[in-house]
Amino acid sequence: MANCFQLSVITADGPLLQGSASACRLPVEGGSVGVLAHHAPMLCALREGEARFRMEDGTEKRLQLSGGIADVRDNTVTVLAGHARLAETE
């Protein structure tokens, strides 16, 4: 899909979430940042908090992160976190 990006969430235990997403909101110092397809390159520190991902199929995935970093470039979002817990939403 043209309005999606490749998503990878990786923890110390290995990959937690991978796929095609249309949007995400990441917890950063001072608030949160939203990412859509074709976002400008960015590298940011993540604080402890909730990350939300809208997947290509329309489902929303929520992760509770312990912190980490996010690398956004070339229509790809890579989240590296020490610990994360995935919770399905309706």
N, C-alpha and C. Protein backbone atom coordinates (compact mmCIF):
# COMPACT_ATOMS: atom_id res chain seq x y z
N MET A 1 0.85 -1.18 0.00
CA MET A 1 0.00 0.00 0.00
C MET A 1 0.90 1.25 0.00
N ALA A 2 0.56 2.24 -0.79
CA ALA A 2 1.38 3.43 -0.97
C ALA A 2 1.47 4.29 0.29
N ASN A 3 0.47 4.27 1.14
CA ASN A 3 0.48 5.11 2.33
C ASN A 3 0.89 4.35 3.58
N CYS A 4 1.77 3.38 3.42
CA CYS A 4 2.26 2.59 4.54
C CYS A 4 3.79 2.61 4.58
N PHE A 5 4.32 2.19 5.71
CA PHE A 5 5.76 2.05 5.88
C PHE A 5 6.03 0.70 6.55
N GLN A 6 7.25 0.24 6.42
CA GLN A 6 7.65 -1.02 7.05
C GLN A 6 7.98 -0.74 8.51
N LEU A 7 7.49 -1.58 9.40
CA LEU A 7 7.65 -1.41 10.84
C LEU A 7 8.36 -2.62 11.42
N SER A 8 9.33 -2.36 12.29
CA SER A 8 9.99 -3.42 13.07
C SER A 8 10.15 -2.91 14.49
N VAL A 9 9.67 -3.70 15.45
CA VAL A 9 9.88 -3.41 16.87
C VAL A 9 10.71 -4.58 17.40
N ILE A 10 11.90 -4.25 17.89
CA ILE A 10 12.85 -5.27 18.33
C ILE A 10 13.22 -5.02 19.78
N THR A 11 13.17 -6.09 20.59
CA THR A 11 13.55 -6.00 21.99
C THR A 11 14.80 -6.86 22.21
N ALA A 12 15.29 -6.86 23.44
CA ALA A 12 16.44 -7.68 23.79
C ALA A 12 16.16 -9.16 23.55
N ASP A 13 14.89 -9.55 23.60
CA ASP A 13 14.50 -10.95 23.38
C ASP A 13 14.28 -11.29 21.91
N GLY A 14 14.33 -10.30 21.03
CA GLY A 14 14.13 -10.54 19.60
C GLY A 14 12.99 -9.70 19.05
N PRO A 15 12.60 -9.93 17.79
CA PRO A 15 11.52 -9.16 17.16
C PRO A 15 10.19 -9.37 17.89
N LEU A 16 9.48 -8.27 18.13
CA LEU A 16 8.18 -8.34 18.80
C LEU A 16 7.04 -8.05 17.84
N LEU A 17 7.25 -7.11 16.92
CA LEU A 17 6.21 -6.72 15.98
C LEU A 17 6.86 -6.32 14.66
N GLN A 18 6.38 -6.89 13.56
CA GLN A 18 6.88 -6.54 12.24
C GLN A 18 5.72 -6.54 11.28
N GLY A 19 5.78 -5.65 10.30
CA GLY A 19 4.73 -5.61 9.30
C GLY A 19 4.64 -4.25 8.64
N SER A 20 3.54 -4.04 7.97
CA SER A 20 3.28 -2.79 7.27
C SER A 20 2.29 -1.98 8.10
N ALA A 21 2.63 -0.70 8.34
CA ALA A 21 1.78 0.17 9.16
C ALA A 21 1.49 1.46 8.41
N SER A 22 0.37 2.09 8.76
CA SER A 22 0.02 3.36 8.12
C SER A 22 0.30 4.55 9.02
N ALA A 23 0.45 4.33 10.34
CA ALA A 23 0.73 5.43 11.26
C ALA A 23 1.25 4.87 12.57
N CYS A 24 2.00 5.71 13.28
CA CYS A 24 2.39 5.34 14.65
C CYS A 24 2.56 6.59 15.48
N ARG A 25 2.42 6.42 16.78
CA ARG A 25 2.66 7.49 17.75
C ARG A 25 3.62 6.91 18.78
N LEU A 26 4.75 7.62 18.96
CA LEU A 26 5.83 7.14 19.82
C LEU A 26 6.03 8.09 21.00
N PRO A 27 6.28 7.52 22.21
CA PRO A 27 6.52 8.38 23.38
C PRO A 27 7.97 8.90 23.37
N VAL A 28 8.13 10.21 23.34
CA VAL A 28 9.46 10.83 23.36
C VAL A 28 9.51 11.83 24.51
N GLU A 29 10.70 12.27 24.86
CA GLU A 29 10.84 13.26 25.91
C GLU A 29 9.99 14.49 25.58
N GLY A 30 9.19 14.93 26.51
CA GLY A 30 8.36 16.11 26.30
C GLY A 30 7.03 15.85 25.63
N GLY A 31 6.69 14.60 25.35
CA GLY A 31 5.39 14.31 24.72
C GLY A 31 5.42 13.09 23.84
N SER A 32 4.94 13.25 22.61
CA SER A 32 4.92 12.14 21.67
C SER A 32 5.11 12.68 20.26
N VAL A 33 5.48 11.78 19.36
CA VAL A 33 5.68 12.16 17.96
C VAL A 33 4.89 11.18 17.09
N GLY A 34 4.25 11.71 16.06
CA GLY A 34 3.51 10.88 15.12
C GLY A 34 4.32 10.68 13.85
N VAL A 35 4.18 9.50 13.27
CA VAL A 35 4.89 9.16 12.03
C VAL A 35 3.90 8.59 11.04
N LEU A 36 3.93 9.12 9.82
CA LEU A 36 3.15 8.60 8.70
C LEU A 36 4.11 8.15 7.62
N ALA A 37 3.59 7.56 6.56
CA ALA A 37 4.42 7.12 5.44
C ALA A 37 5.22 8.29 4.89
N HIS A 38 6.43 8.02 4.45
CA HIS A 38 7.34 8.99 3.83
C HIS A 38 7.75 10.12 4.77
N HIS A 39 7.79 9.83 6.06
CA HIS A 39 8.21 10.82 7.06
C HIS A 39 9.68 11.17 6.83
N ALA A 40 10.05 12.38 7.17
CA ALA A 40 11.45 12.81 7.08
C ALA A 40 12.30 11.94 8.01
N PRO A 41 13.55 11.71 7.64
CA PRO A 41 14.43 10.90 8.51
C PRO A 41 14.55 11.51 9.91
N MET A 42 14.60 10.65 10.91
CA MET A 42 14.73 11.12 12.28
C MET A 42 15.22 9.97 13.15
N LEU A 43 16.00 10.30 14.15
CA LEU A 43 16.45 9.37 15.17
C LEU A 43 16.07 10.00 16.50
N CYS A 44 15.30 9.28 17.32
CA CYS A 44 14.86 9.89 18.58
C CYS A 44 14.92 8.90 19.73
N ALA A 45 15.17 9.46 20.92
CA ALA A 45 15.14 8.66 22.15
C ALA A 45 13.70 8.49 22.59
N LEU A 46 13.36 7.29 22.99
CA LEU A 46 12.00 6.99 23.46
C LEU A 46 12.01 6.93 24.98
N ARG A 47 10.97 7.49 25.58
CA ARG A 47 10.83 7.41 27.03
C ARG A 47 9.91 6.23 27.36
N GLU A 48 9.81 5.92 28.62
CA GLU A 48 8.87 4.90 29.05
C GLU A 48 7.46 5.40 28.74
N GLY A 49 6.64 4.53 28.17
CA GLY A 49 5.28 4.93 27.85
C GLY A 49 4.67 4.02 26.79
N GLU A 50 3.53 4.45 26.26
CA GLU A 50 2.78 3.66 25.29
C GLU A 50 3.06 4.12 23.86
N ALA A 51 3.34 3.17 23.01
CA ALA A 51 3.46 3.42 21.57
C ALA A 51 2.23 2.79 20.91
N ARG A 52 1.70 3.47 19.89
CA ARG A 52 0.53 2.97 19.16
C ARG A 52 0.86 2.86 17.69
N PHE A 53 0.42 1.77 17.09
CA PHE A 53 0.68 1.51 15.68
C PHE A 53 -0.62 1.15 14.98
N ARG A 54 -0.93 1.85 13.89
CA ARG A 54 -2.09 1.51 13.06
C ARG A 54 -1.55 0.67 11.92
N MET A 55 -1.92 -0.61 11.91
CA MET A 55 -1.40 -1.53 10.91
C MET A 55 -2.14 -1.37 9.59
N GLU A 56 -1.56 -1.90 8.53
CA GLU A 56 -2.13 -1.76 7.18
C GLU A 56 -3.56 -2.27 7.11
N ASP A 57 -3.88 -3.32 7.87
CA ASP A 57 -5.23 -3.89 7.83
C ASP A 57 -6.23 -3.12 8.69
N GLY A 58 -5.79 -2.01 9.31
CA GLY A 58 -6.69 -1.18 10.10
C GLY A 58 -6.69 -1.48 11.59
N THR A 59 -6.07 -2.58 12.01
CA THR A 59 -6.00 -2.89 13.43
C THR A 59 -5.01 -1.98 14.12
N GLU A 60 -5.22 -1.77 15.41
CA GLU A 60 -4.28 -0.97 16.20
C GLU A 60 -3.55 -1.87 17.17
N LYS A 61 -2.23 -1.70 17.23
CA LYS A 61 -1.40 -2.43 18.19
C LYS A 61 -0.87 -1.40 19.17
N ARG A 62 -0.87 -1.77 20.44
CA ARG A 62 -0.33 -0.90 21.49
C ARG A 62 0.80 -1.63 22.20
N LEU A 63 1.86 -0.90 22.47
CA LEU A 63 3.01 -1.44 23.17
C LEU A 63 3.32 -0.58 24.37
N GLN A 64 3.62 -1.20 25.48
CA GLN A 64 4.15 -0.47 26.63
C GLN A 64 5.66 -0.63 26.57
N LEU A 65 6.36 0.49 26.38
CA LEU A 65 7.82 0.48 26.21
C LEU A 65 8.51 0.90 27.50
N SER A 66 9.72 0.35 27.71
CA SER A 66 10.54 0.77 28.83
C SER A 66 11.46 1.92 28.44
N GLY A 67 11.43 2.31 27.18
CA GLY A 67 12.33 3.31 26.63
C GLY A 67 13.05 2.69 25.44
N GLY A 68 13.94 3.42 24.83
CA GLY A 68 14.70 2.89 23.69
C GLY A 68 14.97 3.97 22.68
N ILE A 69 15.10 3.57 21.42
CA ILE A 69 15.31 4.53 20.34
C ILE A 69 14.44 4.14 19.14
N ALA A 70 14.14 5.13 18.32
CA ALA A 70 13.39 4.91 17.08
C ALA A 70 14.19 5.51 15.94
N ASP A 71 14.33 4.76 14.88
CA ASP A 71 15.02 5.20 13.67
C ASP A 71 13.99 5.23 12.54
N VAL A 72 13.77 6.42 11.97
CA VAL A 72 12.81 6.59 10.89
C VAL A 72 13.60 7.03 9.65
N ARG A 73 13.55 6.22 8.60
CA ARG A 73 14.21 6.58 7.34
C ARG A 73 13.79 5.63 6.25
N ASP A 74 13.84 6.12 5.01
CA ASP A 74 13.54 5.30 3.83
C ASP A 74 12.22 4.55 3.95
N ASN A 75 11.19 5.23 4.49
CA ASN A 75 9.85 4.66 4.65
C ASN A 75 9.86 3.40 5.53
N THR A 76 10.75 3.42 6.53
CA THR A 76 10.88 2.33 7.49
C THR A 76 10.98 2.92 8.89
N VAL A 77 10.28 2.32 9.85
CA VAL A 77 10.39 2.70 11.25
C VAL A 77 10.91 1.49 12.01
N THR A 78 12.06 1.68 12.68
CA THR A 78 12.65 0.63 13.50
C THR A 78 12.69 1.12 14.93
N VAL A 79 12.05 0.38 15.83
CA VAL A 79 12.03 0.70 17.25
C VAL A 79 12.88 -0.35 17.96
N LEU A 80 13.89 0.12 18.71
CA LEU A 80 14.72 -0.75 19.53
C LEU A 80 14.42 -0.45 20.98
N ALA A 81 13.93 -1.45 21.71
CA ALA A 81 13.56 -1.26 23.11
C ALA A 81 14.12 -2.40 23.94
N GLY A 82 14.56 -2.07 25.14
CA GLY A 82 15.04 -3.11 26.04
C GLY A 82 13.93 -4.08 26.42
N HIS A 83 12.78 -3.51 26.77
CA HIS A 83 11.60 -4.30 27.15
C HIS A 83 10.35 -3.65 26.56
N ALA A 84 9.43 -4.49 26.12
CA ALA A 84 8.16 -4.00 25.60
C ALA A 84 7.11 -5.09 25.80
N ARG A 85 5.90 -4.66 26.03
CA ARG A 85 4.78 -5.58 26.22
C ARG A 85 3.69 -5.21 25.23
N LEU A 86 3.24 -6.17 24.45
CA LEU A 86 2.24 -5.96 23.41
C LEU A 86 0.86 -6.29 23.95
N ALA A 87 -0.12 -5.39 23.66
CA ALA A 87 -1.51 -5.62 24.05
C ALA A 87 -2.38 -5.38 22.83
N GLU A 88 -3.19 -6.34 22.45
CA GLU A 88 -4.12 -6.19 21.33
C GLU A 88 -5.26 -5.28 21.72
N THR A 89 -5.75 -4.51 20.74
CA THR A 89 -6.90 -3.65 20.98
C THR A 89 -8.03 -4.09 20.06
N GLU A 90 -9.21 -3.58 20.33
CA GLU A 90 -10.36 -3.92 19.50
C GLU A 90 -10.33 -3.17 18.20
